[in-house]
Amino acid sequence: MLLLSEAWKAYETDKRIEGFSRYTIKAYGIQAKLLVLYFKDAEIATLNTENLKEYLTTSAAALKPSSMAHRRPFLSFFFTSTR
């Protein structure tokens, strides 16, 4: 059972090893924090595509298109690497 916050820590470590810039990691960290807050640090295995679509739809109402343009790829990269 892996919580979102734990998955983020592992993902962050991987990105540091891969040489991602500190700015990219910081931006990803913000996205991860928002995800953890929204889903109340749920177990990552309990989330599915519909949950993530709901999250994006809810977020879109308060975000500029440019912000959404950062959120979608992060979710894709994060969930692809943690499953």
C-alpha atoms as a PDB file:
ATOM      1  CA  MET A   1       0.000   0.000   0.000  1.00  0.00           C
ATOM      2  CA  LEU A   2       1.680   3.141  -1.268  1.00  0.00           C
ATOM      3  CA  LEU A   3       0.320   6.558  -0.369  1.00  0.00           C
ATOM      4  CA  LEU A   4       0.505   9.431  -2.835  1.00  0.00           C
ATOM      5  CA  SER A   5       2.990  11.247  -0.601  1.00  0.00           C
ATOM      6  CA  GLU A   6       5.263   8.196  -0.506  1.00  0.00           C
ATOM      7  CA  ALA A   7       4.996   7.777  -4.275  1.00  0.00           C
ATOM      8  CA  TRP A   8       5.996  11.416  -4.674  1.00  0.00           C
ATOM      9  CA  LYS A   9       9.116  10.931  -2.549  1.00  0.00           C
ATOM     10  CA  ALA A  10      10.202   7.986  -4.702  1.00  0.00           C
ATOM     11  CA  TYR A  11       9.402   9.875  -7.903  1.00  0.00           C
ATOM     12  CA  GLU A  12      11.316  12.931  -6.713  1.00  0.00           C
ATOM     13  CA  THR A  13      14.365  10.798  -5.924  1.00  0.00           C
ATOM     14  CA  ASP A  14      14.228   9.229  -9.389  1.00  0.00           C
ATOM     15  CA  LYS A  15      14.044  12.628 -11.075  1.00  0.00           C
ATOM     16  CA  ARG A  16      17.014  13.911  -9.056  1.00  0.00           C
ATOM     17  CA  ILE A  17      19.045  10.851 -10.107  1.00  0.00           C
ATOM     18  CA  GLU A  18      17.993  11.459 -13.727  1.00  0.00           C
ATOM     19  CA  GLY A  19      19.367  14.994 -13.490  1.00  0.00           C
ATOM     20  CA  PHE A  20      16.146  17.009 -13.657  1.00  0.00           C
ATOM     21  CA  SER A  21      16.643  20.653 -12.734  1.00  0.00           C
ATOM     22  CA  ARG A  22      15.708  21.832  -9.259  1.00  0.00           C
ATOM     23  CA  TYR A  23      13.113  24.129 -10.853  1.00  0.00           C
ATOM     24  CA  THR A  24      11.420  21.231 -12.599  1.00  0.00           C
ATOM     25  CA  ILE A  25      11.453  19.178  -9.417  1.00  0.00           C
ATOM     26  CA  LYS A  26      10.039  22.117  -7.480  1.00  0.00           C
ATOM     27  CA  ALA A  27       7.236  22.558 -10.033  1.00  0.00           C
ATOM     28  CA  TYR A  28       6.482  18.825  -9.899  1.00  0.00           C
ATOM     29  CA  GLY A  29       6.511  19.021  -6.098  1.00  0.00           C
ATOM     30  CA  ILE A  30       3.816  21.674  -6.160  1.00  0.00           C
ATOM     31  CA  GLN A  31       1.695  19.517  -8.433  1.00  0.00           C
ATOM     32  CA  ALA A  32       2.243  16.522  -6.161  1.00  0.00           C
ATOM     33  CA  LYS A  33       1.264  18.513  -3.071  1.00  0.00           C
ATOM     34  CA  LEU A  34      -1.966  19.631  -4.733  1.00  0.00           C
ATOM     35  CA  LEU A  35      -2.715  16.044  -5.715  1.00  0.00           C
ATOM     36  CA  VAL A  36      -2.114  14.809  -2.158  1.00  0.00           C
ATOM     37  CA  LEU A  37      -4.379  17.533  -0.771  1.00  0.00           C
ATOM     38  CA  TYR A  38      -7.187  16.814  -3.216  1.00  0.00           C
ATOM     39  CA  PHE A  39      -7.156  13.051  -2.661  1.00  0.00           C
ATOM     40  CA  LYS A  40      -6.301  13.306   1.051  1.00  0.00           C
ATOM     41  CA  ASP A  41      -3.111  11.264   0.562  1.00  0.00           C
ATOM     42  CA  ALA A  42      -4.994   8.231  -0.712  1.00  0.00           C
ATOM     43  CA  GLU A  43      -3.358   4.959  -1.604  1.00  0.00           C
ATOM     44  CA  ILE A  44      -2.169   5.318  -5.160  1.00  0.00           C
ATOM     45  CA  ALA A  45      -3.670   1.961  -6.163  1.00  0.00           C
ATOM     46  CA  THR A  46      -7.173   3.210  -5.311  1.00  0.00           C
ATOM     47  CA  LEU A  47      -7.056   5.985  -7.907  1.00  0.00           C
ATOM     48  CA  ASN A  48      -8.198   5.400 -11.451  1.00  0.00           C
ATOM     49  CA  THR A  49      -8.595   7.342 -14.665  1.00  0.00           C
ATOM     50  CA  GLU A  50     -12.032   8.599 -13.692  1.00  0.00           C
ATOM     51  CA  ASN A  51     -10.697   9.987 -10.393  1.00  0.00           C
ATOM     52  CA  LEU A  52      -7.945  11.833 -12.237  1.00  0.00           C
ATOM     53  CA  LYS A  53     -10.364  13.205 -14.839  1.00  0.00           C
ATOM     54  CA  GLU A  54     -12.540  14.514 -12.012  1.00  0.00           C
ATOM     55  CA  TYR A  55      -9.484  16.123 -10.426  1.00  0.00           C
ATOM     56  CA  LEU A  56      -8.537  17.817 -13.692  1.00  0.00           C
ATOM     57  CA  THR A  57     -12.098  18.964 -14.338  1.00  0.00           C
ATOM     58  CA  THR A  58     -12.402  20.420 -10.843  1.00  0.00           C
ATOM     59  CA  SER A  59      -9.009  22.106 -11.149  1.00  0.00           C
ATOM     60  CA  ALA A  60      -9.698  23.529 -14.596  1.00  0.00           C
ATOM     61  CA  ALA A  61     -12.390  25.838 -13.267  1.00  0.00           C
ATOM     62  CA  ALA A  62      -9.834  27.788 -11.230  1.00  0.00           C
ATOM     63  CA  LEU A  63      -6.763  27.573 -13.476  1.00  0.00           C
ATOM     64  CA  LYS A  64      -5.477  29.268 -16.577  1.00  0.00           C
ATOM     65  CA  PRO A  65      -4.908  27.049 -19.612  1.00  0.00           C
ATOM     66  CA  SER A  66      -1.145  27.408 -19.145  1.00  0.00           C
ATOM     67  CA  SER A  67      -1.414  25.996 -15.608  1.00  0.00           C
ATOM     68  CA  MET A  68      -3.485  23.093 -16.857  1.00  0.00           C
ATOM     69  CA  ALA A  69      -0.852  22.503 -19.517  1.00  0.00           C
ATOM     70  CA  HIS A  70       1.614  21.722 -16.693  1.00  0.00           C
ATOM     71  CA  ARG A  71      -0.750  19.649 -14.591  1.00  0.00           C
ATOM     72  CA  ARG A  72      -1.752  17.090 -17.240  1.00  0.00           C
ATOM     73  CA  PRO A  73       1.773  15.982 -18.214  1.00  0.00           C
ATOM     74  CA  PHE A  74       2.815  15.746 -14.578  1.00  0.00           C
ATOM     75  CA  LEU A  75      -0.077  13.400 -13.835  1.00  0.00           C
ATOM     76  CA  SER A  76       0.779  11.279 -16.833  1.00  0.00           C
ATOM     77  CA  PHE A  77       4.478  11.021 -15.948  1.00  0.00           C
ATOM     78  CA  PHE A  78       3.818  10.497 -12.240  1.00  0.00           C
ATOM     79  CA  PHE A  79       1.240   7.749 -12.600  1.00  0.00           C
ATOM     80  CA  THR A  80       3.107   5.989 -15.393  1.00  0.00           C
ATOM     81  CA  SER A  81       6.268   5.751 -13.298  1.00  0.00           C
ATOM     82  CA  THR A  82       4.599   4.774 -10.021  1.00  0.00           C
ATOM     83  CA  ARG A  83       2.448   1.890 -11.238  1.00  0.00           C
END
